[in-house]
Amino acid sequence: MKNTHTQLISPGLSKTLSSANAEAVAQFNYRDLIVLFDQLFSRSENTRLIKGESEPVYLPADTEVTFHRVIFAHGFFASALHEIAHWCLAGKARRLVEDYGYWYCPDGRNTQQQAEFEYVEIKPQAIEWAFSVACGSLFRVSTDNLNGAPVDTRGFTRNVRLQVLQYLQHGFPPRAQQFIAALQAFYQTPALTERDFHA
């Protein structure tokens, strides 16, 4: 995939990225993701990335809060990447509904419920994996069913990888590509290639 991040970052964001890279990035800090996300999307999409105190959730703007909120769990870096990935997939209509109107069955799913969960998680986790590589951070798929039916983590990982390869060949969703480009610029990582993704 062609690396086009210089075409996708606004001049204001480029200035922020340059100053941020003046010092080596020593650790992965969720605050950096908030800055990058908000500079890319707070105006264009009226959406902010928010550190939550409990479970992640997406909340559309309402009469009390004038902007949409991608809320991730407990300041966890990986949770932020995961929730951003979901947001990058949701269309305009879904972004007007709490949690995009998606079905969610919590931990403790039976075999059929787990299969349905994994089916809808393939694309967001593929995007999350690309985000992780763009940061230089580790990625692990999440089957999120510790108290339910046994899961085939290796099989799910293969399916997520196949989706990443599809995105590499045909392009990521536009907002996901913008965020990948911003991460690559901030963390000084090269363009994504198939070699970055191992099942």
C-alpha atoms as a PDB file:
ATOM      1  CA  MET A   1       0.000   0.000   0.000  1.00  0.00           C
ATOM      2  CA  LYS A   2       1.273   3.443  -0.912  1.00  0.00           C
ATOM      3  CA  ASN A   3       2.147   5.602   2.085  1.00  0.00           C
ATOM      4  CA  THR A   4       0.232   8.858   1.572  1.00  0.00           C
ATOM      5  CA  HIS A   5       0.334  10.224   5.092  1.00  0.00           C
ATOM      6  CA  THR A   6       1.867  13.530   4.088  1.00  0.00           C
ATOM      7  CA  GLN A   7      -1.184  14.224   1.932  1.00  0.00           C
ATOM      8  CA  LEU A   8      -3.640  13.333   4.692  1.00  0.00           C
ATOM      9  CA  ILE A   9      -2.335  15.427   7.604  1.00  0.00           C
ATOM     10  CA  SER A  10      -3.367  19.039   7.973  1.00  0.00           C
ATOM     11  CA  PRO A  11      -0.673  21.725   8.371  1.00  0.00           C
ATOM     12  CA  GLY A  12      -1.713  22.301  12.006  1.00  0.00           C
ATOM     13  CA  LEU A  13      -1.383  18.616  12.797  1.00  0.00           C
ATOM     14  CA  SER A  14       1.978  18.419  11.021  1.00  0.00           C
ATOM     15  CA  LYS A  15       3.296  21.164  13.323  1.00  0.00           C
ATOM     16  CA  THR A  16       2.049  19.249  16.368  1.00  0.00           C
ATOM     17  CA  LEU A  17       3.613  16.011  15.105  1.00  0.00           C
ATOM     18  CA  SER A  18       6.952  17.689  14.461  1.00  0.00           C
ATOM     19  CA  SER A  19       7.116  19.100  17.982  1.00  0.00           C
ATOM     20  CA  ALA A  20       5.965  15.801  19.457  1.00  0.00           C
ATOM     21  CA  ASN A  21       8.758  13.973  17.639  1.00  0.00           C
ATOM     22  CA  ALA A  22      11.398  16.366  18.954  1.00  0.00           C
ATOM     23  CA  GLU A  23      11.784  13.880  21.796  1.00  0.00           C
ATOM     24  CA  ALA A  24      11.868  10.112  21.374  1.00  0.00           C
ATOM     25  CA  VAL A  25       8.571   8.381  22.132  1.00  0.00           C
ATOM     26  CA  ALA A  26       9.413   6.398  25.256  1.00  0.00           C
ATOM     27  CA  GLN A  27       6.053   4.728  25.865  1.00  0.00           C
ATOM     28  CA  PHE A  28       2.577   4.439  24.462  1.00  0.00           C
ATOM     29  CA  ASN A  29       0.426   7.042  26.138  1.00  0.00           C
ATOM     30  CA  TYR A  30      -3.306   7.339  25.551  1.00  0.00           C
ATOM     31  CA  ARG A  31      -3.002  11.138  25.769  1.00  0.00           C
ATOM     32  CA  ASP A  32      -1.101  11.117  22.477  1.00  0.00           C
ATOM     33  CA  LEU A  33      -3.974   9.264  20.833  1.00  0.00           C
ATOM     34  CA  ILE A  34      -6.436  11.824  22.173  1.00  0.00           C
ATOM     35  CA  VAL A  35      -4.410  14.679  20.688  1.00  0.00           C
ATOM     36  CA  LEU A  36      -4.018  12.973  17.305  1.00  0.00           C
ATOM     37  CA  PHE A  37      -7.666  11.928  17.103  1.00  0.00           C
ATOM     38  CA  ASP A  38      -9.052  15.276  18.215  1.00  0.00           C
ATOM     39  CA  GLN A  39      -6.865  17.230  15.802  1.00  0.00           C
ATOM     40  CA  LEU A  40      -8.004  15.050  12.928  1.00  0.00           C
ATOM     41  CA  PHE A  41     -11.677  14.654  13.743  1.00  0.00           C
ATOM     42  CA  SER A  42     -12.974  17.073  16.388  1.00  0.00           C
ATOM     43  CA  ARG A  43     -13.859  19.700  13.765  1.00  0.00           C
ATOM     44  CA  SER A  44     -14.421  17.633  10.638  1.00  0.00           C
ATOM     45  CA  GLU A  45     -16.578  14.997  12.382  1.00  0.00           C
ATOM     46  CA  ASN A  46     -17.552  16.823  15.599  1.00  0.00           C
ATOM     47  CA  THR A  47     -16.123  13.827  17.485  1.00  0.00           C
ATOM     48  CA  ARG A  48     -13.744  13.605  20.444  1.00  0.00           C
ATOM     49  CA  LEU A  49     -11.798  10.706  21.949  1.00  0.00           C
ATOM     50  CA  ILE A  50     -12.459  10.473  25.702  1.00  0.00           C
ATOM     51  CA  LYS A  51     -10.811   8.460  28.480  1.00  0.00           C
ATOM     52  CA  GLY A  52     -13.583   6.639  30.324  1.00  0.00           C
ATOM     53  CA  GLU A  53     -13.733   5.336  33.859  1.00  0.00           C
ATOM     54  CA  SER A  54     -15.552   2.090  33.081  1.00  0.00           C
ATOM     55  CA  GLU A  55     -16.660   0.151  29.991  1.00  0.00           C
ATOM     56  CA  PRO A  56     -16.088   1.667  26.541  1.00  0.00           C
ATOM     57  CA  VAL A  57     -19.049   3.217  24.753  1.00  0.00           C
ATOM     58  CA  TYR A  58     -19.853   5.496  21.834  1.00  0.00           C
ATOM     59  CA  LEU A  59     -22.221   8.373  22.623  1.00  0.00           C
ATOM     60  CA  PRO A  60     -23.604  10.689  19.960  1.00  0.00           C
ATOM     61  CA  ALA A  61     -24.021  14.397  20.618  1.00  0.00           C
ATOM     62  CA  ASP A  62     -27.135  15.298  22.573  1.00  0.00           C
ATOM     63  CA  THR A  63     -28.774  18.271  24.281  1.00  0.00           C
ATOM     64  CA  GLU A  64     -26.145  18.261  27.057  1.00  0.00           C
ATOM     65  CA  VAL A  65     -22.963  17.493  25.080  1.00  0.00           C
ATOM     66  CA  THR A  66     -22.602  19.085  21.651  1.00  0.00           C
ATOM     67  CA  PHE A  67     -20.045  16.621  20.247  1.00  0.00           C
ATOM     68  CA  HIS A  68     -19.919  12.869  19.635  1.00  0.00           C
ATOM     69  CA  ARG A  69     -17.756  10.851  22.049  1.00  0.00           C
ATOM     70  CA  VAL A  70     -15.620   7.759  21.449  1.00  0.00           C
ATOM     71  CA  ILE A  71     -15.096   6.673  25.059  1.00  0.00           C
ATOM     72  CA  PHE A  72     -12.417   4.068  25.749  1.00  0.00           C
ATOM     73  CA  ALA A  73     -11.826   2.041  28.920  1.00  0.00           C
ATOM     74  CA  HIS A  74      -9.709   3.169  31.870  1.00  0.00           C
ATOM     75  CA  GLY A  75      -6.989   4.948  29.886  1.00  0.00           C
ATOM     76  CA  PHE A  76      -5.912   1.699  28.194  1.00  0.00           C
ATOM     77  CA  PHE A  77      -3.963   2.404  24.987  1.00  0.00           C
ATOM     78  CA  ALA A  78      -5.265  -0.734  23.251  1.00  0.00           C
ATOM     79  CA  SER A  79      -8.847   0.075  24.239  1.00  0.00           C
ATOM     80  CA  ALA A  80      -8.513   3.490  22.602  1.00  0.00           C
ATOM     81  CA  LEU A  81      -7.219   1.927  19.380  1.00  0.00           C
ATOM     82  CA  HIS A  82     -10.039  -0.621  19.403  1.00  0.00           C
ATOM     83  CA  GLU A  83     -12.786   1.945  19.943  1.00  0.00           C
ATOM     84  CA  ILE A  84     -11.343   4.221  17.259  1.00  0.00           C
ATOM     85  CA  ALA A  85     -11.391   1.249  14.871  1.00  0.00           C
ATOM     86  CA  HIS A  86     -15.109   0.702  15.515  1.00  0.00           C
ATOM     87  CA  TRP A  87     -15.763   4.403  14.937  1.00  0.00           C
ATOM     88  CA  CYS A  88     -13.835   4.320  11.650  1.00  0.00           C
ATOM     89  CA  LEU A  89     -16.165   1.607  10.353  1.00  0.00           C
ATOM     90  CA  ALA A  90     -19.474   3.120  11.441  1.00  0.00           C
ATOM     91  CA  GLY A  91     -21.399   5.020   8.792  1.00  0.00           C
ATOM     92  CA  LYS A  92     -23.075   8.393   9.340  1.00  0.00           C
ATOM     93  CA  ALA A  93     -26.433   6.943  10.410  1.00  0.00           C
ATOM     94  CA  ARG A  94     -24.867   4.563  12.935  1.00  0.00           C
ATOM     95  CA  ARG A  95     -22.796   7.408  14.387  1.00  0.00           C
ATOM     96  CA  LEU A  96     -26.059   9.049  15.473  1.00  0.00           C
ATOM     97  CA  VAL A  97     -26.956   6.085  17.699  1.00  0.00           C
ATOM     98  CA  GLU A  98     -25.449   5.024  21.031  1.00  0.00           C
ATOM     99  CA  ASP A  99     -22.837   2.299  20.482  1.00  0.00           C
ATOM    100  CA  TYR A 100     -23.701   2.537  16.771  1.00  0.00           C
ATOM    101  CA  GLY A 101     -26.852   0.508  17.441  1.00  0.00           C
ATOM    102  CA  TYR A 102     -24.878  -2.746  17.451  1.00  0.00           C
ATOM    103  CA  TRP A 103     -25.856  -5.892  19.276  1.00  0.00           C
ATOM    104  CA  TYR A 104     -23.488  -6.887  22.046  1.00  0.00           C
ATOM    105  CA  CYS A 105     -23.618 -10.053  24.130  1.00  0.00           C
ATOM    106  CA  PRO A 106     -21.250  -9.913  27.121  1.00  0.00           C
ATOM    107  CA  ASP A 107     -18.658 -12.446  28.293  1.00  0.00           C
ATOM    108  CA  GLY A 108     -20.200 -15.886  28.812  1.00  0.00           C
ATOM    109  CA  ARG A 109     -21.345 -16.403  25.206  1.00  0.00           C
ATOM    110  CA  ASN A 110     -22.248 -19.858  23.916  1.00  0.00           C
ATOM    111  CA  THR A 111     -20.680 -21.241  20.724  1.00  0.00           C
ATOM    112  CA  GLN A 112     -23.193 -19.625  18.347  1.00  0.00           C
ATOM    113  CA  GLN A 113     -23.065 -16.258  20.132  1.00  0.00           C
ATOM    114  CA  GLN A 114     -19.267 -16.350  20.067  1.00  0.00           C
ATOM    115  CA  ALA A 115     -19.257 -17.060  16.333  1.00  0.00           C
ATOM    116  CA  GLU A 116     -21.536 -14.041  15.786  1.00  0.00           C
ATOM    117  CA  PHE A 117     -19.307 -11.886  18.003  1.00  0.00           C
ATOM    118  CA  GLU A 118     -16.162 -12.883  16.099  1.00  0.00           C
ATOM    119  CA  TYR A 119     -17.858 -12.265  12.741  1.00  0.00           C
ATOM    120  CA  VAL A 120     -18.631  -8.632  13.592  1.00  0.00           C
ATOM    121  CA  GLU A 121     -15.220  -8.128  15.254  1.00  0.00           C
ATOM    122  CA  ILE A 122     -13.050  -9.169  12.294  1.00  0.00           C
ATOM    123  CA  LYS A 123     -13.031  -5.763  10.567  1.00  0.00           C
ATOM    124  CA  PRO A 124     -12.556  -3.559  13.644  1.00  0.00           C
ATOM    125  CA  GLN A 125      -9.802  -5.807  14.976  1.00  0.00           C
ATOM    126  CA  ALA A 126      -8.107  -5.787  11.565  1.00  0.00           C
ATOM    127  CA  ILE A 127      -8.090  -1.983  11.676  1.00  0.00           C
ATOM    128  CA  GLU A 128      -6.919  -2.041  15.297  1.00  0.00           C
ATOM    129  CA  TRP A 129      -4.040  -4.321  14.267  1.00  0.00           C
ATOM    130  CA  ALA A 130      -3.044  -1.839  11.561  1.00  0.00           C
ATOM    131  CA  PHE A 131      -3.202   0.985  14.129  1.00  0.00           C
ATOM    132  CA  SER A 132      -0.958  -1.036  16.461  1.00  0.00           C
ATOM    133  CA  VAL A 133       1.616  -1.656  13.736  1.00  0.00           C
ATOM    134  CA  ALA A 134       1.507   2.033  12.810  1.00  0.00           C
ATOM    135  CA  CYS A 135       2.321   2.813  16.461  1.00  0.00           C
ATOM    136  CA  GLY A 136       4.937   0.093  16.786  1.00  0.00           C
ATOM    137  CA  SER A 137       2.933  -1.461  19.626  1.00  0.00           C
ATOM    138  CA  LEU A 138       1.974  -5.095  20.161  1.00  0.00           C
ATOM    139  CA  PHE A 139      -1.417  -6.388  19.069  1.00  0.00           C
ATOM    140  CA  ARG A 140      -3.375  -9.403  20.278  1.00  0.00           C
ATOM    141  CA  VAL A 141      -6.810 -10.351  19.025  1.00  0.00           C
ATOM    142  CA  SER A 142      -9.558 -10.242  21.618  1.00  0.00           C
ATOM    143  CA  THR A 143     -12.109 -13.028  21.705  1.00  0.00           C
ATOM    144  CA  ASP A 144     -13.506 -11.533  24.942  1.00  0.00           C
ATOM    145  CA  ASN A 145     -15.192 -14.705  26.230  1.00  0.00           C
ATOM    146  CA  LEU A 146     -13.287 -15.900  29.292  1.00  0.00           C
ATOM    147  CA  ASN A 147     -16.369 -17.393  30.943  1.00  0.00           C
ATOM    148  CA  GLY A 148     -18.067 -18.828  27.877  1.00  0.00           C
ATOM    149  CA  ALA A 149     -17.610 -21.480  25.229  1.00  0.00           C
ATOM    150  CA  PRO A 150     -14.024 -22.388  24.228  1.00  0.00           C
ATOM    151  CA  VAL A 151     -12.688 -20.187  21.446  1.00  0.00           C
ATOM    152  CA  ASP A 152     -10.351 -20.821  18.516  1.00  0.00           C
ATOM    153  CA  THR A 153      -7.997 -17.882  19.011  1.00  0.00           C
ATOM    154  CA  ARG A 154      -5.641 -19.013  16.255  1.00  0.00           C
ATOM    155  CA  GLY A 155      -8.470 -19.348  13.763  1.00  0.00           C
ATOM    156  CA  PHE A 156      -9.850 -15.934  14.675  1.00  0.00           C
ATOM    157  CA  THR A 157      -6.372 -14.414  14.354  1.00  0.00           C
ATOM    158  CA  ARG A 158      -6.056 -15.889  10.849  1.00  0.00           C
ATOM    159  CA  ASN A 159      -9.417 -14.391   9.872  1.00  0.00           C
ATOM    160  CA  VAL A 160      -8.436 -10.970  11.204  1.00  0.00           C
ATOM    161  CA  ARG A 161      -5.132 -11.183   9.313  1.00  0.00           C
ATOM    162  CA  LEU A 162      -6.940 -12.032   6.067  1.00  0.00           C
ATOM    163  CA  GLN A 163      -9.050  -8.907   6.547  1.00  0.00           C
ATOM    164  CA  VAL A 164      -5.927  -6.794   7.139  1.00  0.00           C
ATOM    165  CA  LEU A 165      -4.464  -8.123   3.900  1.00  0.00           C
ATOM    166  CA  GLN A 166      -7.688  -7.193   2.089  1.00  0.00           C
ATOM    167  CA  TYR A 167      -7.393  -3.669   3.460  1.00  0.00           C
ATOM    168  CA  LEU A 168      -3.742  -3.471   2.427  1.00  0.00           C
ATOM    169  CA  GLN A 169      -4.672  -4.480  -1.107  1.00  0.00           C
ATOM    170  CA  HIS A 170      -7.887  -2.481  -1.549  1.00  0.00           C
ATOM    171  CA  GLY A 171      -7.518   0.353   0.966  1.00  0.00           C
ATOM    172  CA  PHE A 172      -8.624   1.007   4.518  1.00  0.00           C
ATOM    173  CA  PRO A 173     -11.806   2.957   5.246  1.00  0.00           C
ATOM    174  CA  PRO A 174     -10.985   6.673   4.771  1.00  0.00           C
ATOM    175  CA  ARG A 175     -10.986   7.732   8.435  1.00  0.00           C
ATOM    176  CA  ALA A 176      -8.953   4.660   9.373  1.00  0.00           C
ATOM    177  CA  GLN A 177      -6.403   5.568   6.688  1.00  0.00           C
ATOM    178  CA  GLN A 178      -6.200   9.124   8.026  1.00  0.00           C
ATOM    179  CA  PHE A 179      -5.551   7.852  11.538  1.00  0.00           C
ATOM    180  CA  ILE A 180      -2.970   5.302  10.356  1.00  0.00           C
ATOM    181  CA  ALA A 181      -1.148   8.113   8.569  1.00  0.00           C
ATOM    182  CA  ALA A 182      -1.184  10.290  11.694  1.00  0.00           C
ATOM    183  CA  LEU A 183       0.155   7.406  13.814  1.00  0.00           C
ATOM    184  CA  GLN A 184       2.919   6.683  11.302  1.00  0.00           C
ATOM    185  CA  ALA A 185       3.958  10.323  11.321  1.00  0.00           C
ATOM    186  CA  PHE A 186       3.884  10.578  15.112  1.00  0.00           C
ATOM    187  CA  TYR A 187       5.667   7.293  15.848  1.00  0.00           C
ATOM    188  CA  GLN A 188       7.932   7.514  12.785  1.00  0.00           C
ATOM    189  CA  THR A 189       6.971   4.086  11.455  1.00  0.00           C
ATOM    190  CA  PRO A 190       7.177   2.974   7.812  1.00  0.00           C
ATOM    191  CA  ALA A 191       4.315   2.132   5.459  1.00  0.00           C
ATOM    192  CA  LEU A 192       2.375  -1.013   6.359  1.00  0.00           C
ATOM    193  CA  THR A 193       3.219  -4.181   4.435  1.00  0.00           C
ATOM    194  CA  GLU A 194       2.033  -7.769   4.545  1.00  0.00           C
ATOM    195  CA  ARG A 195       5.207  -8.706   6.439  1.00  0.00           C
ATOM    196  CA  ASP A 196       3.983  -6.683   9.446  1.00  0.00           C
ATOM    197  CA  PHE A 197       1.083  -9.063  10.087  1.00  0.00           C
ATOM    198  CA  HIS A 198       1.731 -12.605  11.277  1.00  0.00           C
ATOM    199  CA  ALA A 199      -1.054 -14.996  12.306  1.00  0.00           C
END
